[in-house]
């Protein structure tokens, strides 16, 4: 299928997507908000008073959910290379998470505190070259995991989006080496054709 035809097909699916329509009607910035809500309904991750870091937060759907469920109590820090319109109760840093300067700004925003929850819904720009795309996905995932290991409190949690395929089993193994428990979550809001899933690690085996 040619690129233009693929683009038209994606646009058609997107426009008619149930969760896209619900997000628009309910005021959520992205359909991804429903993924976090479903996971949080099950795992109770977002609680008032907690410190939450959202890696790759734009356009802000997950930050919206966190702000709503934490009821203005606690801290939410989001970072993304792209711009994001402000959200009450959310500290936003525009920068490249993979670069030292942006990471240092994020650490400054934490003010020496450990996070209770690190979220990562990051994904690189897709080229269509499967091997290359998977490698970039897991390069980002490894950086997010490293951040979580250094900045989570011992009983903290790490929720990350990954894609099944090359690199998946190795990353699951790394998660299991880092956390006392690791679970897979496949929210209904994920697209039927998507290979994405979410890994939830809880309780560091050893603080870094």
N, C-alpha and C. Protein backbone atom coordinates (compact mmCIF):
# COMPACT_ATOMS: atom_id res chain seq x y z
N UNK A 1 0.84 -1.19 0.00
CA UNK A 1 0.00 0.00 0.00
C UNK A 1 0.88 1.25 0.00
N UNK A 2 0.61 2.23 -0.88
CA UNK A 2 1.40 3.44 -0.97
C UNK A 2 1.19 4.30 0.27
N UNK A 3 2.21 5.16 0.53
CA UNK A 3 2.18 5.99 1.73
C UNK A 3 0.92 6.85 1.81
N UNK A 4 0.51 7.47 0.66
CA UNK A 4 -0.66 8.34 0.67
C UNK A 4 -1.91 7.56 1.03
N UNK A 5 -2.03 6.33 0.50
CA UNK A 5 -3.19 5.50 0.80
C UNK A 5 -3.19 5.10 2.27
N UNK A 6 -2.02 4.80 2.80
CA UNK A 6 -1.91 4.45 4.22
C UNK A 6 -2.31 5.63 5.10
N UNK A 7 -1.90 6.82 4.69
CA UNK A 7 -2.25 8.02 5.46
C UNK A 7 -3.76 8.23 5.48
N UNK A 8 -4.41 8.05 4.32
CA UNK A 8 -5.86 8.19 4.25
C UNK A 8 -6.56 7.15 5.12
N UNK A 9 -6.05 5.92 5.08
CA UNK A 9 -6.65 4.86 5.88
C UNK A 9 -6.52 5.17 7.37
N UNK A 10 -5.32 5.64 7.79
CA UNK A 10 -5.12 5.99 9.21
C UNK A 10 -6.06 7.11 9.61
N UNK A 11 -6.17 8.14 8.75
CA UNK A 11 -7.03 9.27 9.07
C UNK A 11 -8.49 8.84 9.23
N UNK A 12 -8.93 7.94 8.37
CA UNK A 12 -10.31 7.44 8.43
C UNK A 12 -10.54 6.69 9.75
N UNK A 13 -9.61 5.82 10.12
CA UNK A 13 -9.74 5.07 11.36
C UNK A 13 -9.72 6.01 12.56
N UNK A 14 -8.84 7.03 12.49
CA UNK A 14 -8.70 7.95 13.61
C UNK A 14 -9.99 8.75 13.82
N UNK A 15 -10.54 9.28 12.74
CA UNK A 15 -11.74 10.10 12.83
C UNK A 15 -12.92 9.31 13.39
N UNK A 16 -13.00 8.03 13.04
CA UNK A 16 -14.13 7.21 13.46
C UNK A 16 -13.84 6.39 14.72
N UNK A 17 -12.68 6.60 15.33
CA UNK A 17 -12.28 5.85 16.51
C UNK A 17 -13.15 6.23 17.71
N UNK A 18 -13.67 5.23 18.42
CA UNK A 18 -14.55 5.46 19.57
C UNK A 18 -13.85 6.32 20.63
N UNK A 19 -12.60 5.97 20.96
CA UNK A 19 -11.90 6.68 22.03
C UNK A 19 -11.50 8.09 21.62
N UNK A 20 -11.24 8.31 20.34
CA UNK A 20 -10.96 9.66 19.87
C UNK A 20 -12.20 10.52 20.07
N UNK A 21 -13.36 9.99 19.70
CA UNK A 21 -14.61 10.74 19.86
C UNK A 21 -14.89 11.01 21.35
N UNK A 22 -14.66 9.99 22.18
CA UNK A 22 -14.89 10.17 23.62
C UNK A 22 -13.95 11.21 24.21
N UNK A 23 -12.69 11.19 23.78
CA UNK A 23 -11.72 12.16 24.28
C UNK A 23 -12.15 13.57 23.92
N UNK A 24 -12.62 13.75 22.69
CA UNK A 24 -13.09 15.07 22.25
C UNK A 24 -14.30 15.53 23.05
N UNK A 25 -15.25 14.62 23.25
CA UNK A 25 -16.48 14.97 23.96
C UNK A 25 -16.22 15.26 25.44
N UNK A 26 -15.27 14.53 26.04
CA UNK A 26 -15.03 14.67 27.48
C UNK A 26 -13.91 15.65 27.83
N UNK A 27 -13.24 16.19 26.80
CA UNK A 27 -12.22 17.20 27.06
C UNK A 27 -10.83 16.68 27.35
N UNK A 28 -10.59 15.41 27.05
CA UNK A 28 -9.24 14.87 27.20
C UNK A 28 -8.41 15.22 25.97
N UNK A 29 -7.13 15.44 26.16
CA UNK A 29 -6.28 15.89 25.05
C UNK A 29 -5.90 14.76 24.09
N UNK A 30 -6.03 13.54 24.51
CA UNK A 30 -5.69 12.42 23.64
C UNK A 30 -6.46 11.18 24.08
N UNK A 31 -6.61 10.24 23.15
CA UNK A 31 -7.26 8.97 23.46
C UNK A 31 -6.45 8.18 24.47
N UNK A 32 -5.14 8.50 24.58
CA UNK A 32 -4.27 7.79 25.51
C UNK A 32 -4.72 7.98 26.96
N UNK A 33 -5.48 9.04 27.22
CA UNK A 33 -5.98 9.26 28.59
C UNK A 33 -6.76 8.05 29.08
N UNK A 34 -7.52 7.42 28.18
CA UNK A 34 -8.35 6.28 28.58
C UNK A 34 -7.49 5.06 28.94
N UNK A 35 -6.32 4.96 28.33
CA UNK A 35 -5.42 3.85 28.66
C UNK A 35 -4.95 3.98 30.11
N UNK A 36 -4.51 5.19 30.47
CA UNK A 36 -4.04 5.39 31.84
C UNK A 36 -5.17 5.24 32.84
N UNK A 37 -6.35 5.75 32.51
CA UNK A 37 -7.47 5.61 33.43
C UNK A 37 -7.80 4.15 33.69
N UNK A 38 -7.81 3.34 32.63
CA UNK A 38 -8.12 1.92 32.79
C UNK A 38 -7.07 1.22 33.65
N UNK A 39 -5.80 1.53 33.39
CA UNK A 39 -4.73 0.91 34.18
C UNK A 39 -4.81 1.37 35.63
N UNK A 40 -5.07 2.66 35.84
CA UNK A 40 -5.15 3.18 37.21
C UNK A 40 -6.36 2.63 37.96
N UNK A 41 -7.46 2.39 37.26
CA UNK A 41 -8.63 1.78 37.91
C UNK A 41 -8.26 0.42 38.50
N UNK A 42 -7.37 -0.28 37.82
CA UNK A 42 -6.96 -1.62 38.26
C UNK A 42 -5.84 -1.57 39.29
N UNK A 43 -4.87 -0.69 39.08
CA UNK A 43 -3.64 -0.74 39.87
C UNK A 43 -3.49 0.37 40.90
N UNK A 44 -4.39 1.36 40.87
CA UNK A 44 -4.39 2.42 41.89
C UNK A 44 -3.02 3.09 42.01
N UNK A 45 -2.55 3.65 40.92
CA UNK A 45 -1.23 4.27 40.90
C UNK A 45 -1.26 5.75 41.27
N UNK A 46 -2.33 6.43 40.90
CA UNK A 46 -2.42 7.88 41.06
C UNK A 46 -3.19 8.21 42.34
N UNK A 47 -2.45 8.70 43.33
CA UNK A 47 -3.05 9.02 44.62
C UNK A 47 -2.65 10.42 45.04
N UNK A 48 -3.56 11.14 45.69
CA UNK A 48 -3.22 12.48 46.17
C UNK A 48 -1.96 12.47 47.03
N UNK A 49 -1.13 13.50 46.85
CA UNK A 49 0.08 13.64 47.64
C UNK A 49 1.32 13.02 47.05
N UNK A 50 1.17 12.29 45.94
CA UNK A 50 2.31 11.60 45.34
C UNK A 50 3.10 12.53 44.42
N UNK A 51 4.32 12.12 44.10
CA UNK A 51 5.16 12.81 43.14
C UNK A 51 5.21 11.97 41.87
N UNK A 52 4.74 12.54 40.76
CA UNK A 52 4.62 11.81 39.51
C UNK A 52 5.44 12.49 38.42
N UNK A 53 6.19 11.70 37.67
CA UNK A 53 6.95 12.21 36.52
C UNK A 53 6.40 11.54 35.27
N UNK A 54 6.05 12.35 34.27
CA UNK A 54 5.50 11.85 33.01
C UNK A 54 6.50 12.14 31.89
N UNK A 55 7.16 11.10 31.41
CA UNK A 55 8.16 11.23 30.35
C UNK A 55 7.47 11.17 28.99
N UNK A 56 7.72 12.17 28.15
CA UNK A 56 7.06 12.20 26.84
C UNK A 56 5.61 12.55 26.99
N UNK A 57 5.32 13.65 27.70
CA UNK A 57 3.95 13.91 28.17
C UNK A 57 3.02 14.56 27.15
N UNK A 58 3.55 15.24 26.13
CA UNK A 58 2.68 15.94 25.17
C UNK A 58 1.81 14.95 24.40
N UNK A 59 0.57 15.32 24.11
CA UNK A 59 -0.08 16.62 24.29
C UNK A 59 -0.66 16.85 25.69
N UNK A 60 -0.52 15.88 26.59
CA UNK A 60 -0.93 16.12 27.97
C UNK A 60 -2.05 15.26 28.50
N UNK A 61 -2.49 14.25 27.75
CA UNK A 61 -3.59 13.41 28.21
C UNK A 61 -3.31 12.73 29.53
N UNK A 62 -2.11 12.18 29.68
CA UNK A 62 -1.78 11.48 30.93
C UNK A 62 -1.64 12.48 32.08
N UNK A 63 -1.07 13.66 31.81
CA UNK A 63 -0.97 14.68 32.85
C UNK A 63 -2.35 15.12 33.31
N UNK A 64 -3.30 15.22 32.37
CA UNK A 64 -4.68 15.57 32.73
C UNK A 64 -5.26 14.54 33.68
N UNK A 65 -5.08 13.28 33.37
CA UNK A 65 -5.61 12.20 34.21
C UNK A 65 -4.98 12.26 35.59
N UNK A 66 -3.66 12.43 35.62
CA UNK A 66 -2.96 12.49 36.91
C UNK A 66 -3.47 13.67 37.74
N UNK A 67 -3.60 14.84 37.12
CA UNK A 67 -4.07 16.02 37.85
C UNK A 67 -5.48 15.82 38.38
N UNK A 68 -6.32 15.18 37.59
CA UNK A 68 -7.71 14.95 38.01
C UNK A 68 -7.77 13.98 39.19
N UNK A 69 -7.01 12.90 39.11
CA UNK A 69 -7.11 11.87 40.14
C UNK A 69 -6.33 12.20 41.40
N UNK A 70 -5.34 13.08 41.29
CA UNK A 70 -4.58 13.48 42.48
C UNK A 70 -5.22 14.67 43.18
N UNK A 71 -6.25 15.24 42.55
CA UNK A 71 -7.07 16.28 43.19
C UNK A 71 -6.27 17.47 43.70
N UNK A 72 -5.24 17.86 42.94
CA UNK A 72 -4.46 19.04 43.31
C UNK A 72 -3.50 18.83 44.45
N UNK A 73 -3.34 17.59 44.88
CA UNK A 73 -2.45 17.30 46.01
C UNK A 73 -1.28 16.46 45.50
N UNK A 74 -0.06 16.98 45.67
CA UNK A 74 1.12 16.27 45.19
C UNK A 74 1.79 17.08 44.09
N UNK A 75 2.70 16.43 43.36
CA UNK A 75 3.44 17.11 42.30
C UNK A 75 3.41 16.26 41.04
N UNK A 76 3.20 16.93 39.91
CA UNK A 76 3.24 16.27 38.60
C UNK A 76 4.22 17.05 37.74
N UNK A 77 5.22 16.37 37.22
CA UNK A 77 6.22 16.99 36.36
C UNK A 77 6.21 16.25 35.02
N UNK A 78 6.01 16.99 33.95
CA UNK A 78 6.01 16.38 32.62
C UNK A 78 7.12 16.96 31.77
N UNK A 79 7.66 16.14 30.88
CA UNK A 79 8.71 16.59 29.97
C UNK A 79 8.45 16.05 28.58
N UNK A 80 8.68 16.91 27.58
CA UNK A 80 8.52 16.47 26.20
C UNK A 80 9.29 17.42 25.29
N UNK A 81 9.75 16.88 24.17
CA UNK A 81 10.43 17.70 23.17
C UNK A 81 9.45 18.67 22.52
N UNK A 82 8.18 18.27 22.42
CA UNK A 82 7.16 19.10 21.80
C UNK A 82 6.55 20.07 22.82
N UNK A 83 5.92 21.11 22.31
CA UNK A 83 5.23 22.05 23.17
C UNK A 83 3.99 21.40 23.78
N UNK A 84 3.59 21.88 24.95
CA UNK A 84 2.35 21.42 25.57
C UNK A 84 1.67 22.59 26.25
N UNK A 85 0.41 22.79 25.94
CA UNK A 85 -0.37 23.84 26.61
C UNK A 85 -0.45 23.52 28.10
N UNK A 86 -0.32 24.55 28.93
CA UNK A 86 -0.26 24.34 30.37
C UNK A 86 -1.49 23.67 30.96
N UNK A 87 -1.26 22.93 32.03
CA UNK A 87 -2.32 22.25 32.78
C UNK A 87 -2.15 22.64 34.25
N UNK A 88 -3.21 23.05 34.91
CA UNK A 88 -3.14 23.41 36.32
C UNK A 88 -2.58 22.25 37.14
N UNK A 89 -1.59 22.56 37.96
CA UNK A 89 -1.02 21.54 38.83
C UNK A 89 0.09 20.73 38.19
N UNK A 90 0.47 21.07 36.95
CA UNK A 90 1.51 20.32 36.25
C UNK A 90 2.68 21.23 35.90
N UNK A 91 3.87 20.84 36.29
CA UNK A 91 5.10 21.54 35.89
C UNK A 91 5.58 20.92 34.59
N UNK A 92 5.66 21.74 33.54
CA UNK A 92 6.05 21.22 32.24
C UNK A 92 7.44 21.71 31.85
N UNK A 93 8.26 20.78 31.37
CA UNK A 93 9.60 21.09 30.87
C UNK A 93 9.64 20.72 29.40
N UNK A 94 9.94 21.70 28.55
CA UNK A 94 10.09 21.38 27.13
C UNK A 94 11.55 21.12 26.85
N UNK A 95 11.86 19.90 26.49
CA UNK A 95 13.24 19.52 26.24
C UNK A 95 13.32 18.08 25.81
N UNK A 96 14.48 17.70 25.32
CA UNK A 96 14.73 16.34 24.85
C UNK A 96 15.20 15.49 26.02
N UNK A 97 14.36 14.57 26.43
CA UNK A 97 14.65 13.72 27.59
C UNK A 97 15.98 12.98 27.43
N UNK A 98 16.41 12.75 26.20
CA UNK A 98 17.63 11.98 25.96
C UNK A 98 18.89 12.84 26.11
N UNK A 99 18.72 14.15 26.31
CA UNK A 99 19.87 15.03 26.43
C UNK A 99 20.10 15.44 27.89
N UNK A 100 21.37 15.62 28.23
CA UNK A 100 21.75 15.89 29.62
C UNK A 100 21.12 17.16 30.16
N UNK A 101 21.03 18.20 29.33
CA UNK A 101 20.51 19.49 29.81
C UNK A 101 19.06 19.37 30.27
N UNK A 102 18.23 18.68 29.46
CA UNK A 102 16.82 18.51 29.81
C UNK A 102 16.68 17.62 31.04
N UNK A 103 17.50 16.59 31.12
CA UNK A 103 17.46 15.69 32.27
C UNK A 103 17.84 16.43 33.54
N UNK A 104 18.83 17.30 33.44
CA UNK A 104 19.24 18.09 34.60
C UNK A 104 18.12 19.02 35.05
N UNK A 105 17.39 19.60 34.09
CA UNK A 105 16.26 20.47 34.43
C UNK A 105 15.15 19.67 35.12
N UNK A 106 14.96 18.45 34.67
CA UNK A 106 13.96 17.58 35.30
C UNK A 106 14.36 17.25 36.73
N UNK A 107 15.63 16.95 36.92
CA UNK A 107 16.12 16.64 38.26
C UNK A 107 16.00 17.85 39.19
N UNK A 108 16.24 19.04 38.63
CA UNK A 108 16.09 20.26 39.42
C UNK A 108 14.64 20.45 39.85
N UNK A 109 13.72 20.16 38.92
CA UNK A 109 12.28 20.29 39.24
C UNK A 109 11.87 19.34 40.36
N UNK A 110 12.52 18.20 40.44
CA UNK A 110 12.21 17.25 41.52
C UNK A 110 12.70 17.77 42.87
N UNK A 111 13.67 18.66 42.85
CA UNK A 111 14.13 19.29 44.09
C UNK A 111 14.71 18.31 45.08
N UNK A 112 15.38 17.29 44.58
CA UNK A 112 16.00 16.33 45.48
C UNK A 112 15.06 15.25 45.99
N UNK A 113 13.78 15.32 45.62
CA UNK A 113 12.81 14.32 46.06
C UNK A 113 12.78 13.13 45.10
N UNK A 114 12.39 11.99 45.63
CA UNK A 114 12.19 10.80 44.81
C UNK A 114 10.76 10.79 44.30
N UNK A 115 10.56 10.23 43.11
CA UNK A 115 9.21 10.11 42.55
C UNK A 115 8.53 8.86 43.10
N UNK A 116 7.23 8.94 43.26
CA UNK A 116 6.44 7.76 43.62
C UNK A 116 6.04 6.97 42.39
N UNK A 117 5.94 7.68 41.26
CA UNK A 117 5.48 7.05 40.02
C UNK A 117 6.16 7.72 38.83
N UNK A 118 6.73 6.90 37.96
CA UNK A 118 7.28 7.39 36.69
C UNK A 118 6.46 6.78 35.56
N UNK A 119 5.94 7.64 34.70
CA UNK A 119 5.14 7.21 33.55
C UNK A 119 5.92 7.47 32.27
N UNK A 120 5.79 6.56 31.32
CA UNK A 120 6.43 6.77 30.02
C UNK A 120 5.53 6.23 28.92
N UNK A 121 4.94 7.16 28.17
CA UNK A 121 4.16 6.78 27.00
C UNK A 121 4.91 7.21 25.74
N UNK A 122 6.22 7.32 25.87
CA UNK A 122 7.05 7.80 24.77
C UNK A 122 7.11 6.79 23.62
N UNK A 123 7.26 7.34 22.43
CA UNK A 123 7.51 6.52 21.25
C UNK A 123 8.24 7.39 20.25
N UNK A 124 9.24 6.85 19.56
CA UNK A 124 9.97 7.65 18.57
C UNK A 124 9.13 7.86 17.32
N UNK A 125 9.52 8.80 16.49
CA UNK A 125 8.88 8.94 15.19
C UNK A 125 9.11 7.67 14.38
N UNK A 126 8.04 7.14 13.82
CA UNK A 126 8.11 5.86 13.10
C UNK A 126 8.55 6.09 11.65
N UNK A 127 9.53 5.30 11.23
CA UNK A 127 10.05 5.42 9.86
C UNK A 127 9.41 4.41 8.92
N UNK A 128 8.85 3.34 9.51
CA UNK A 128 8.31 2.26 8.68
C UNK A 128 9.30 1.13 8.48
N UNK A 129 10.54 1.35 8.90
CA UNK A 129 11.56 0.30 8.86
C UNK A 129 11.53 -0.40 10.21
N UNK A 130 10.94 -1.59 10.23
CA UNK A 130 10.61 -2.26 11.48
C UNK A 130 11.81 -2.43 12.40
N UNK A 131 12.91 -2.94 11.87
CA UNK A 131 14.09 -3.21 12.71
C UNK A 131 14.60 -1.91 13.33
N UNK A 132 14.66 -0.86 12.52
CA UNK A 132 15.14 0.42 13.01
C UNK A 132 14.19 1.01 14.05
N UNK A 133 12.89 0.93 13.77
CA UNK A 133 11.89 1.48 14.69
C UNK A 133 11.94 0.77 16.04
N UNK A 134 12.04 -0.57 16.02
CA UNK A 134 12.10 -1.32 17.28
C UNK A 134 13.34 -0.95 18.09
N UNK A 135 14.45 -0.77 17.40
CA UNK A 135 15.69 -0.41 18.09
C UNK A 135 15.55 0.95 18.77
N UNK A 136 14.88 1.89 18.10
CA UNK A 136 14.69 3.22 18.67
C UNK A 136 13.70 3.18 19.83
N UNK A 137 12.67 2.35 19.72
CA UNK A 137 11.71 2.18 20.82
C UNK A 137 12.43 1.75 22.08
N UNK A 138 13.28 0.74 21.96
CA UNK A 138 13.92 0.19 23.16
C UNK A 138 15.10 1.02 23.63
N UNK A 139 15.67 1.83 22.76
CA UNK A 139 16.69 2.78 23.22
C UNK A 139 16.04 3.79 24.17
N UNK A 140 14.84 4.29 23.79
CA UNK A 140 14.10 5.20 24.66
C UNK A 140 13.66 4.49 25.94
N UNK A 141 13.18 3.27 25.79
CA UNK A 141 12.69 2.51 26.95
C UNK A 141 13.80 2.29 27.97
N UNK A 142 14.99 1.99 27.49
CA UNK A 142 16.11 1.76 28.41
C UNK A 142 16.49 3.03 29.15
N UNK A 143 16.41 4.18 28.45
CA UNK A 143 16.69 5.45 29.13
C UNK A 143 15.62 5.75 30.19
N UNK A 144 14.37 5.46 29.86
CA UNK A 144 13.29 5.68 30.83
C UNK A 144 13.46 4.78 32.04
N UNK A 145 13.82 3.52 31.81
CA UNK A 145 14.05 2.59 32.92
C UNK A 145 15.21 3.07 33.79
N UNK A 146 16.27 3.53 33.17
CA UNK A 146 17.42 4.03 33.93
C UNK A 146 17.01 5.23 34.79
N UNK A 147 16.18 6.11 34.22
CA UNK A 147 15.70 7.25 35.00
C UNK A 147 14.89 6.76 36.21
N UNK A 148 14.01 5.81 35.96
CA UNK A 148 13.18 5.28 37.06
C UNK A 148 14.04 4.67 38.16
N UNK A 149 15.06 3.94 37.79
CA UNK A 149 15.91 3.29 38.77
C UNK A 149 16.63 4.31 39.65
N UNK A 150 16.96 5.46 39.07
CA UNK A 150 17.70 6.48 39.81
C UNK A 150 16.80 7.46 40.57
N UNK A 151 15.52 7.54 40.19
CA UNK A 151 14.69 8.60 40.76
C UNK A 151 13.41 8.12 41.44
N UNK A 152 13.17 6.83 41.48
CA UNK A 152 12.00 6.30 42.19
C UNK A 152 12.33 6.02 43.64
N UNK A 153 11.34 6.22 44.50
CA UNK A 153 11.48 5.76 45.87
C UNK A 153 11.43 4.23 45.87
N UNK A 154 11.93 3.59 46.93
CA UNK A 154 12.00 2.12 46.93
C UNK A 154 10.67 1.42 46.63
N UNK A 155 9.55 1.97 47.10
CA UNK A 155 8.25 1.35 46.87
C UNK A 155 7.52 1.95 45.67
N UNK A 156 8.25 2.68 44.83
CA UNK A 156 7.63 3.35 43.70
C UNK A 156 7.24 2.42 42.57
N UNK A 157 6.60 3.02 41.54
CA UNK A 157 6.12 2.24 40.40
C UNK A 157 6.54 2.91 39.09
N UNK A 158 6.69 2.08 38.07
CA UNK A 158 7.12 2.54 36.75
C UNK A 158 6.21 1.91 35.71
N UNK A 159 5.51 2.76 34.95
CA UNK A 159 4.60 2.29 33.90
C UNK A 159 5.12 2.77 32.56
N UNK A 160 5.36 1.84 31.63
CA UNK A 160 5.96 2.21 30.35
C UNK A 160 5.29 1.48 29.19
N UNK A 161 5.15 2.22 28.09
CA UNK A 161 4.64 1.62 26.85
C UNK A 161 5.79 1.02 26.06
N UNK A 162 5.61 -0.21 25.62
CA UNK A 162 6.58 -0.87 24.75
C UNK A 162 5.82 -1.54 23.61
N UNK A 163 6.57 -2.07 22.66
CA UNK A 163 5.96 -2.76 21.53
C UNK A 163 6.52 -4.17 21.43
N UNK A 164 5.65 -5.14 21.29
CA UNK A 164 6.09 -6.52 21.19
C UNK A 164 6.82 -6.74 19.87
N UNK A 165 7.89 -7.52 19.95
CA UNK A 165 8.74 -7.75 18.79
C UNK A 165 10.18 -7.82 19.26
N UNK A 166 11.12 -7.52 18.38
CA UNK A 166 12.53 -7.58 18.72
C UNK A 166 12.83 -6.64 19.88
N UNK A 167 13.49 -7.17 20.90
CA UNK A 167 13.85 -6.37 22.06
C UNK A 167 12.89 -6.49 23.22
N UNK A 168 11.69 -7.01 22.97
CA UNK A 168 10.67 -7.05 24.02
C UNK A 168 11.08 -7.97 25.17
N UNK A 169 11.45 -9.19 24.87
CA UNK A 169 11.79 -10.15 25.93
C UNK A 169 12.99 -9.68 26.74
N UNK A 170 13.97 -9.09 26.07
CA UNK A 170 15.15 -8.60 26.78
C UNK A 170 14.77 -7.46 27.74
N UNK A 171 13.83 -6.61 27.30
CA UNK A 171 13.43 -5.50 28.17
C UNK A 171 12.61 -6.01 29.35
N UNK A 172 11.74 -6.97 29.10
CA UNK A 172 10.98 -7.57 30.21
C UNK A 172 11.94 -8.16 31.24
N UNK A 173 12.98 -8.82 30.76
CA UNK A 173 13.98 -9.40 31.66
C UNK A 173 14.66 -8.32 32.49
N UNK A 174 14.97 -7.19 31.85
CA UNK A 174 15.59 -6.07 32.57
C UNK A 174 14.63 -5.52 33.63
N UNK A 175 13.36 -5.42 33.28
CA UNK A 175 12.36 -4.95 34.24
C UNK A 175 12.28 -5.89 35.44
N UNK A 176 12.26 -7.18 35.16
CA UNK A 176 12.17 -8.17 36.24
C UNK A 176 13.41 -8.15 37.12
N UNK A 177 14.54 -7.75 36.54
CA UNK A 177 15.75 -7.64 37.33
C UNK A 177 15.75 -6.41 38.22
N UNK A 178 14.91 -5.44 37.87
CA UNK A 178 14.90 -4.17 38.60
C UNK A 178 13.78 -4.06 39.63
N UNK A 179 12.64 -4.73 39.35
CA UNK A 179 11.46 -4.57 40.20
C UNK A 179 11.02 -5.88 40.84
N UNK A 180 10.41 -5.74 42.00
CA UNK A 180 9.93 -6.93 42.72
C UNK A 180 8.78 -7.60 41.98
N UNK A 181 7.95 -6.80 41.32
CA UNK A 181 6.86 -7.38 40.53
C UNK A 181 6.76 -6.64 39.20
N UNK A 182 6.47 -7.38 38.15
CA UNK A 182 6.30 -6.81 36.81
C UNK A 182 5.05 -7.42 36.19
N UNK A 183 4.15 -6.57 35.74
CA UNK A 183 2.90 -7.04 35.14
C UNK A 183 2.73 -6.40 33.76
N UNK A 184 2.01 -7.10 32.90
CA UNK A 184 1.69 -6.59 31.57
C UNK A 184 0.25 -6.09 31.57
N UNK A 185 0.04 -4.94 30.99
CA UNK A 185 -1.30 -4.38 30.89
C UNK A 185 -1.61 -4.08 29.42
N UNK A 186 -2.80 -4.49 29.01
CA UNK A 186 -3.26 -4.28 27.64
C UNK A 186 -4.62 -3.59 27.68
N UNK A 187 -4.63 -2.26 27.87
CA UNK A 187 -5.90 -1.55 28.01
C UNK A 187 -6.76 -1.63 26.74
N UNK A 188 -8.07 -1.61 26.93
CA UNK A 188 -9.00 -1.68 25.81
C UNK A 188 -8.80 -0.54 24.82
N UNK A 189 -8.31 0.60 25.31
CA UNK A 189 -8.15 1.76 24.44
C UNK A 189 -6.98 1.64 23.47
N UNK A 190 -6.12 0.64 23.64
CA UNK A 190 -5.08 0.41 22.65
C UNK A 190 -5.75 -0.05 21.35
N UNK A 191 -5.22 0.40 20.25
CA UNK A 191 -5.83 0.05 18.96
C UNK A 191 -5.67 -1.45 18.69
N UNK A 192 -6.67 -2.02 18.02
CA UNK A 192 -6.69 -3.46 17.77
C UNK A 192 -5.46 -3.93 17.01
N UNK A 193 -5.00 -3.12 16.07
CA UNK A 193 -3.87 -3.53 15.24
C UNK A 193 -2.52 -3.24 15.87
N UNK A 194 -2.52 -2.55 17.00
CA UNK A 194 -1.26 -2.13 17.62
C UNK A 194 -0.58 -3.29 18.34
N UNK A 195 0.74 -3.28 18.30
CA UNK A 195 1.54 -4.26 19.04
C UNK A 195 1.96 -3.70 20.40
N UNK A 196 1.40 -2.56 20.76
CA UNK A 196 1.80 -1.95 22.02
C UNK A 196 1.22 -2.69 23.22
N UNK A 197 1.96 -2.61 24.30
CA UNK A 197 1.45 -3.05 25.59
C UNK A 197 2.17 -2.22 26.64
N UNK A 198 1.72 -2.32 27.87
CA UNK A 198 2.32 -1.56 28.95
C UNK A 198 2.90 -2.51 29.99
N UNK A 199 4.09 -2.18 30.46
CA UNK A 199 4.71 -2.94 31.53
C UNK A 199 4.68 -2.09 32.81
N UNK A 200 4.27 -2.72 33.88
CA UNK A 200 4.17 -2.04 35.18
C UNK A 200 5.10 -2.73 36.17
N UNK A 201 6.13 -2.00 36.57
CA UNK A 201 7.05 -2.49 37.59
C UNK A 201 6.76 -1.82 38.92
N UNK A 202 6.77 -2.59 40.00
CA UNK A 202 6.48 -2.03 41.33
C UNK A 202 7.50 -2.53 42.34
N UNK A 203 8.03 -1.60 43.14
CA UNK A 203 8.96 -1.96 44.21
C UNK A 203 10.35 -2.26 43.68
N UNK A 204 11.26 -1.33 43.86
CA UNK A 204 12.64 -1.55 43.39
C UNK A 204 13.30 -2.67 44.20
N UNK A 205 14.00 -3.54 43.50
CA UNK A 205 14.75 -4.57 44.19
C UNK A 205 15.95 -3.97 44.92
N UNK A 206 16.49 -2.91 44.31
CA UNK A 206 17.65 -2.24 44.93
C UNK A 206 17.71 -0.82 44.42
N UNK A 207 17.71 0.15 45.30
CA UNK A 207 17.80 1.54 44.89
C UNK A 207 19.20 1.83 44.36
N UNK A 208 19.26 2.68 43.32
CA UNK A 208 20.55 3.03 42.73
C UNK A 208 21.10 4.28 43.43
